[in-house]
Amino acid sequence: MGEPTLDATRLNETAVSLATLNFAQTQAHVPTETSTPTQTSTPIPTLDRTRPPIQTPTSDLACNVAAAGQPIDITIPDDTKLAPNTSFSKTWRLKNVGTCTWSRLYTLTFFSGNSLNAQYTHYLLQPVEPGDTVDLTVDMVAPEKIGLYQSNWMLGDPDGVLFGIGPHGDAPFWVRIEVVQKVTDTPQPTQTFTPTPPVYISGEVDLANDDTLDLDTASLNPEKDFQADLLYKSGGTPLHMLTPLNEMRWAAFGDDEPGLTNCKAAAINDNSIGFTEVPVGSYFCYQTAQGLWGWLRIEGVSAGKLGLSFLTWASPQ
């Protein structure tokens, strides 16, 4: 049997096939490269999102705020009746509820309405610390014409900024009066009777315990003690007590309104009058410390205050 001969063509194909297979196997076993960061990145700091403690907001108190005193009307309650051209003094009681001291450069200033012939600006007479109260007085004159008049006032700081009372501290306080017709004497051909004198002053007032009343000027708790005609006390025995002051004299009259002649004929004295049950509708004749005659009527008790109406004639003894 003869030796086999090699086919060159087949040998070449086999060599190529083996080389191709060897390359493929070599590539299949090459480990896959794991990508690793070439450098370590610095972590970005995160924001601290921890909620801060909740703080309860505090109300910022305003510097200049006033409040009504107890009571605010020390003299001349609202709708006090006055004769034309009557001079009177209005006093308000105010409380400093702001954070700033009212120095003597602060003012009591006319704001609106009718000035009632008063000076427009009044500087405070003494400083008022926060939490303190002060009584402020303005001298006024009732207008000549009859009618209802209101005068509105506010406080002013050294820069001229006005402030007042109320929830926002921007409301004015006021005095309101009613000017009533002044009765004039009617000439008589004969002196058969004494003509009724003109009404000097009249009004209504509510008296709290320890309040005083000046019946010559219709002033509640007058600034000067010698001006007061009547003192009211409550809560004792008897429950209600009215006491004349400064030589004022009076006498109970009855349920009918007295005239000047009736009052002059009454047996007046300076005795105190006390009662437990309020004699509503009772009239009393009086002669003031300045010698003027008049009458007062007890209207009743409301909210712990004794209500009175009164009339003073413009005629001395």
Protein backbone atom coordinates (compact mmCIF):
# COMPACT_ATOMS: atom_id res chain seq x y z
CA MET A 1 0.00 0.00 0.00
CA GLY A 2 1.54 3.33 -0.92
CA GLU A 3 2.12 6.32 1.54
CA PRO A 4 -0.66 8.89 1.62
CA THR A 5 0.05 12.21 0.05
CA LEU A 6 -0.77 15.56 1.80
CA ASP A 7 -3.19 17.87 0.16
CA ALA A 8 -1.71 21.37 0.48
CA THR A 9 -5.05 23.02 0.04
CA ARG A 10 -6.62 21.11 2.90
CA LEU A 11 -3.65 21.72 5.12
CA ASN A 12 -3.98 25.44 4.58
CA GLU A 13 -7.72 25.42 5.36
CA THR A 14 -7.11 23.41 8.53
CA ALA A 15 -4.43 25.80 9.71
CA VAL A 16 -6.69 28.82 9.16
CA SER A 17 -9.57 27.12 10.98
CA LEU A 18 -7.39 26.26 13.98
CA ALA A 19 -6.00 29.76 14.20
CA THR A 20 -9.48 31.25 14.09
CA LEU A 21 -10.71 28.87 16.82
CA ASN A 22 -7.69 29.58 19.01
CA PHE A 23 -8.29 33.37 18.73
CA ALA A 24 -11.96 33.01 19.60
CA GLN A 25 -11.21 30.90 22.67
CA THR A 26 -8.52 33.31 23.76
CA GLN A 27 -10.99 36.26 23.55
CA ALA A 28 -13.67 34.33 25.41
CA HIS A 29 -11.42 33.86 28.43
CA VAL A 30 -10.25 37.45 28.69
CA PRO A 31 -11.77 38.69 32.00
CA THR A 32 -14.21 41.56 31.68
CA GLU A 33 -12.65 44.74 33.04
CA THR A 34 -14.50 46.11 36.04
CA SER A 35 -14.73 49.89 35.88
CA THR A 36 -13.47 51.40 39.10
CA PRO A 37 -13.41 55.07 39.83
CA THR A 38 -10.05 56.50 39.07
CA GLN A 39 -10.39 58.98 41.95
CA THR A 40 -12.46 59.25 45.11
CA SER A 41 -14.96 62.10 44.84
CA THR A 42 -15.51 64.34 47.85
CA PRO A 43 -19.14 63.93 49.03
CA ILE A 44 -21.24 67.09 48.73
CA PRO A 45 -22.35 68.22 52.20
CA THR A 46 -26.09 67.98 52.66
CA LEU A 47 -28.22 70.80 54.11
CA ASP A 48 -29.24 70.45 57.71
CA ARG A 49 -32.99 70.20 57.38
CA THR A 50 -33.63 69.80 61.07
CA ARG A 51 -36.63 72.06 61.89
CA PRO A 52 -35.60 74.75 64.34
CA PRO A 53 -37.61 75.04 67.52
CA ILE A 54 -40.87 76.84 66.88
CA GLN A 55 -40.85 80.10 68.76
CA THR A 56 -44.11 81.57 69.84
CA PRO A 57 -44.34 85.05 68.27
CA THR A 58 -44.48 87.82 70.80
CA SER A 59 -46.71 90.80 70.20
CA ASP A 60 -44.65 93.91 69.82
CA LEU A 61 -46.27 96.53 71.97
CA ALA A 62 -46.50 99.93 70.34
CA CYS A 63 -44.67 102.84 71.84
CA ASN A 64 -47.57 105.27 72.09
CA VAL A 65 -50.92 103.75 73.05
CA ALA A 66 -53.54 105.10 75.45
CA ALA A 67 -56.54 103.45 77.06
CA ALA A 68 -59.61 104.82 78.76
CA GLY A 69 -59.28 105.21 82.52
CA GLN A 70 -61.84 104.03 85.03
CA PRO A 71 -63.81 106.13 84.46
CA ILE A 72 -62.59 108.14 81.47
CA ASP A 73 -65.02 111.04 82.06
CA ILE A 74 -64.04 112.58 85.37
CA THR A 75 -66.10 115.72 84.67
CA ILE A 76 -68.88 116.60 82.23
CA PRO A 77 -70.41 113.23 81.29
CA ASP A 78 -71.73 112.86 77.75
CA ASP A 79 -74.77 115.00 76.91
CA THR A 80 -74.41 117.26 79.94
CA LYS A 81 -76.81 120.18 79.52
CA LEU A 82 -75.25 123.63 79.75
CA ALA A 83 -76.51 127.16 79.31
CA PRO A 84 -75.05 129.20 76.42
CA ASN A 85 -71.60 130.69 77.04
CA THR A 86 -71.12 128.64 80.22
CA SER A 87 -67.47 128.11 81.15
CA PHE A 88 -66.55 124.60 82.29
CA SER A 89 -63.56 122.29 82.68
CA LYS A 90 -63.46 118.88 81.02
CA THR A 91 -61.23 116.20 82.61
CA TRP A 92 -60.40 112.82 81.06
CA ARG A 93 -58.60 109.96 82.80
CA LEU A 94 -56.23 108.06 80.50
CA LYS A 95 -53.84 105.16 81.01
CA ASN A 96 -50.46 104.71 79.31
CA VAL A 97 -50.63 101.15 77.93
CA GLY A 98 -47.72 101.56 75.52
CA THR A 99 -44.00 101.01 76.05
CA CYS A 100 -42.87 104.65 76.02
CA THR A 101 -43.00 107.26 78.76
CA TRP A 102 -45.15 110.28 77.95
CA SER A 103 -42.78 113.13 78.73
CA ARG A 104 -43.68 116.77 79.20
CA LEU A 105 -43.14 117.22 75.47
CA TYR A 106 -46.26 115.13 74.82
CA THR A 107 -49.46 117.09 74.23
CA LEU A 108 -53.21 116.91 74.61
CA THR A 109 -54.39 118.15 71.19
CA PHE A 110 -57.72 119.18 69.66
CA PHE A 111 -58.49 116.76 66.81
CA SER A 112 -61.90 117.44 65.29
CA GLY A 113 -65.45 118.60 65.92
CA ASN A 114 -66.02 121.84 67.83
CA SER A 115 -63.11 123.17 69.89
CA LEU A 116 -65.58 124.71 72.38
CA ASN A 117 -63.35 127.77 72.53
CA ALA A 118 -60.50 125.73 74.05
CA GLN A 119 -56.78 126.14 73.45
CA TYR A 120 -55.81 123.61 70.78
CA THR A 121 -52.62 122.25 72.39
CA HIS A 122 -51.80 121.52 76.03
CA TYR A 123 -48.43 120.10 77.14
CA LEU A 124 -48.52 117.43 79.84
CA LEU A 125 -47.71 118.73 83.31
CA GLN A 126 -45.74 115.65 84.37
CA PRO A 127 -44.31 112.47 82.77
CA VAL A 128 -46.56 109.42 82.60
CA GLU A 129 -44.77 106.08 82.82
CA PRO A 130 -46.11 102.93 81.07
CA GLY A 131 -48.91 101.48 83.20
CA ASP A 132 -49.67 104.80 84.94
CA THR A 133 -52.84 106.87 84.65
CA VAL A 134 -53.17 110.63 84.34
CA ASP A 135 -56.05 113.13 84.54
CA LEU A 136 -55.97 115.72 81.74
CA THR A 137 -58.07 118.88 81.94
CA VAL A 138 -59.10 121.45 79.33
CA ASP A 139 -60.99 124.67 80.02
CA MET A 140 -63.88 125.17 77.60
CA VAL A 141 -66.87 127.42 76.95
CA ALA A 142 -70.29 126.27 75.73
CA PRO A 143 -71.31 127.84 72.38
CA GLU A 144 -73.88 130.60 72.25
CA LYS A 145 -76.34 128.73 70.04
CA ILE A 146 -78.43 125.86 71.38
CA GLY A 147 -77.66 122.39 70.08
CA LEU A 148 -75.52 119.28 70.57
CA TYR A 149 -71.74 119.75 70.35
CA GLN A 150 -68.86 117.27 70.39
CA SER A 151 -65.15 118.06 70.71
CA ASN A 152 -62.70 115.26 69.81
CA TRP A 153 -59.17 115.15 71.27
CA MET A 154 -56.04 113.01 70.94
CA LEU A 155 -52.54 112.80 72.38
CA GLY A 156 -49.45 113.81 70.42
CA ASP A 157 -45.82 112.74 70.76
CA PRO A 158 -42.84 115.14 70.46
CA ASP A 159 -42.78 114.55 66.68
CA GLY A 160 -46.39 115.64 66.35
CA VAL A 161 -47.74 112.13 65.66
CA LEU A 162 -51.23 111.80 67.11
CA PHE A 163 -52.48 108.71 68.95
CA GLY A 164 -55.48 107.86 71.08
CA ILE A 165 -57.50 105.01 72.53
CA GLY A 166 -59.33 101.98 71.14
CA PRO A 167 -58.11 98.58 69.89
CA HIS A 168 -55.59 100.18 67.52
CA GLY A 169 -54.77 103.22 69.61
CA ASP A 170 -56.02 105.60 66.92
CA ALA A 171 -59.46 106.64 68.20
CA PRO A 172 -60.04 110.07 69.75
CA PHE A 173 -61.73 110.70 73.08
CA TRP A 174 -64.29 113.47 73.41
CA VAL A 175 -66.59 115.73 75.37
CA ARG A 176 -70.21 116.03 74.25
CA ILE A 177 -72.54 118.68 75.61
CA GLU A 178 -76.01 119.95 74.87
CA VAL A 179 -76.50 123.70 74.96
CA VAL A 180 -80.04 124.42 76.12
CA GLN A 181 -82.07 127.59 75.84
CA LYS A 182 -81.39 130.03 78.62
CA VAL A 183 -84.60 131.30 80.14
CA THR A 184 -84.75 135.08 80.31
CA ASP A 185 -86.70 137.19 82.74
CA THR A 186 -89.96 138.57 81.42
CA PRO A 187 -90.50 142.19 82.46
CA GLN A 188 -93.65 142.57 84.49
CA PRO A 189 -95.64 145.78 84.89
CA THR A 190 -96.11 145.09 88.57
CA GLN A 191 -94.10 143.23 91.14
CA THR A 192 -96.93 140.91 92.09
CA PHE A 193 -94.66 137.83 92.06
CA THR A 194 -91.02 136.92 91.82
CA PRO A 195 -90.10 135.94 88.25
CA THR A 196 -88.43 132.58 87.80
CA PRO A 197 -84.71 133.16 87.32
CA PRO A 198 -82.91 131.77 84.27
CA VAL A 199 -81.43 128.32 84.44
CA TYR A 200 -77.73 128.66 85.13
CA ILE A 201 -76.81 125.02 84.61
CA SER A 202 -78.52 121.64 84.48
CA GLY A 203 -77.64 118.07 83.66
CA GLU A 204 -77.55 114.42 84.61
CA VAL A 205 -74.79 112.51 86.34
CA ASP A 206 -74.03 109.00 87.61
CA LEU A 207 -72.19 108.96 90.94
CA ALA A 208 -69.91 106.09 91.94
CA ASN A 209 -68.69 105.52 95.48
CA ASP A 210 -66.63 108.49 96.78
CA ASP A 211 -67.59 110.69 93.79
CA THR A 212 -68.17 114.38 94.46
CA LEU A 213 -70.30 116.83 92.47
CA ASP A 214 -70.04 120.58 91.94
CA LEU A 215 -73.60 121.82 91.35
CA ASP A 216 -72.36 125.29 90.31
CA THR A 217 -70.44 124.01 87.27
CA ALA A 218 -71.90 120.52 86.74
CA SER A 219 -68.41 119.10 87.39
CA LEU A 220 -67.91 115.53 88.59
CA ASN A 221 -65.02 115.23 91.06
CA PRO A 222 -63.84 118.86 90.71
CA GLU A 223 -60.10 119.42 90.85
CA LYS A 224 -60.31 121.64 93.94
CA ASP A 225 -61.99 120.18 97.01
CA PHE A 226 -63.63 123.45 98.02
CA GLN A 227 -65.64 123.45 94.76
CA ALA A 228 -67.54 120.25 95.60
CA ASP A 229 -71.11 120.49 96.92
CA LEU A 230 -72.06 116.85 97.41
CA LEU A 231 -70.33 113.57 98.31
CA TYR A 232 -71.77 110.12 97.55
CA LYS A 233 -70.91 107.01 99.56
CA SER A 234 -72.20 103.51 98.90
CA GLY A 235 -71.79 100.10 100.45
CA GLY A 236 -72.11 101.16 104.08
CA THR A 237 -74.98 101.43 106.51
CA PRO A 238 -77.25 102.75 105.17
CA LEU A 239 -76.39 101.49 101.69
CA HIS A 240 -76.48 104.94 100.08
CA MET A 241 -75.33 108.20 101.70
CA LEU A 242 -75.34 111.76 100.31
CA THR A 243 -73.41 114.36 102.32
CA PRO A 244 -73.31 118.15 101.72
CA LEU A 245 -69.85 119.70 101.44
CA ASN A 246 -68.45 123.23 101.86
CA GLU A 247 -71.55 124.69 103.51
CA MET A 248 -73.91 123.44 100.83
CA ARG A 249 -77.40 123.02 102.39
CA TRP A 250 -80.49 121.18 101.25
CA ALA A 251 -83.86 119.66 102.16
CA ALA A 252 -86.14 116.91 100.88
CA PHE A 253 -89.06 118.33 98.91
CA GLY A 254 -91.23 115.51 97.53
CA ASP A 255 -92.33 113.97 94.26
CA ASP A 256 -93.18 117.24 92.47
CA GLU A 257 -90.63 119.52 90.85
CA PRO A 258 -90.04 122.56 93.07
CA GLY A 259 -89.74 126.16 91.95
CA LEU A 260 -87.33 128.76 93.27
CA THR A 261 -89.92 130.06 95.75
CA ASN A 262 -90.52 126.54 97.06
CA CYS A 263 -86.82 125.94 97.62
CA LYS A 264 -86.27 129.28 99.35
CA ALA A 265 -89.11 128.42 101.73
CA ALA A 266 -87.73 124.95 102.52
CA ALA A 267 -86.05 124.26 105.86
CA ILE A 268 -82.64 123.54 104.42
CA ASN A 269 -79.74 122.20 106.52
CA ASP A 270 -76.35 120.53 106.07
CA ASN A 271 -77.43 117.08 107.28
CA SER A 272 -76.46 113.93 105.37
CA ILE A 273 -79.29 111.92 103.83
CA GLY A 274 -79.02 108.13 103.82
CA PHE A 275 -81.28 105.43 102.41
CA THR A 276 -81.20 101.72 101.73
CA GLU A 277 -84.04 101.69 99.21
CA VAL A 278 -83.49 104.32 96.54
CA PRO A 279 -86.33 106.90 96.57
CA VAL A 280 -86.60 107.11 92.78
CA GLY A 281 -88.33 110.32 91.65
CA SER A 282 -87.73 112.25 94.88
CA TYR A 283 -86.79 115.93 94.62
CA PHE A 284 -84.45 117.85 96.93
CA CYS A 285 -84.00 121.62 97.13
CA TYR A 286 -80.45 122.90 97.63
CA GLN A 287 -78.36 126.01 98.00
CA THR A 288 -74.80 125.56 96.70
CA ALA A 289 -71.59 126.64 98.39
CA GLN A 290 -71.66 129.69 96.10
CA GLY A 291 -75.18 130.60 97.22
CA LEU A 292 -77.11 129.44 94.13
CA TRP A 293 -80.47 127.71 94.52
CA GLY A 294 -81.54 124.60 92.69
CA TRP A 295 -83.07 121.16 92.86
CA LEU A 296 -81.88 117.59 92.26
CA ARG A 297 -83.90 114.47 91.53
CA ILE A 298 -82.88 110.87 92.28
CA GLU A 299 -83.22 108.83 89.08
CA GLY A 300 -82.21 105.40 90.39
CA VAL A 301 -79.23 103.06 90.65
CA SER A 302 -77.61 101.32 87.69
CA ALA A 303 -74.38 99.31 87.61
CA GLY A 304 -73.60 100.40 91.15
CA LYS A 305 -73.92 104.10 90.39
CA LEU A 306 -76.52 106.55 91.70
CA GLY A 307 -78.18 108.55 88.93
CA LEU A 308 -79.11 112.18 89.58
CA SER A 309 -80.59 115.01 87.52
CA PHE A 310 -80.23 118.59 88.70
CA LEU A 311 -80.92 122.22 87.88
CA THR A 312 -79.22 125.29 89.32
CA TRP A 313 -80.81 128.70 88.91
CA ALA A 314 -78.69 131.73 88.04
CA SER A 315 -79.84 133.57 91.11
CA PRO A 316 -78.00 133.99 94.41
CA GLN A 317 -79.84 134.31 97.69
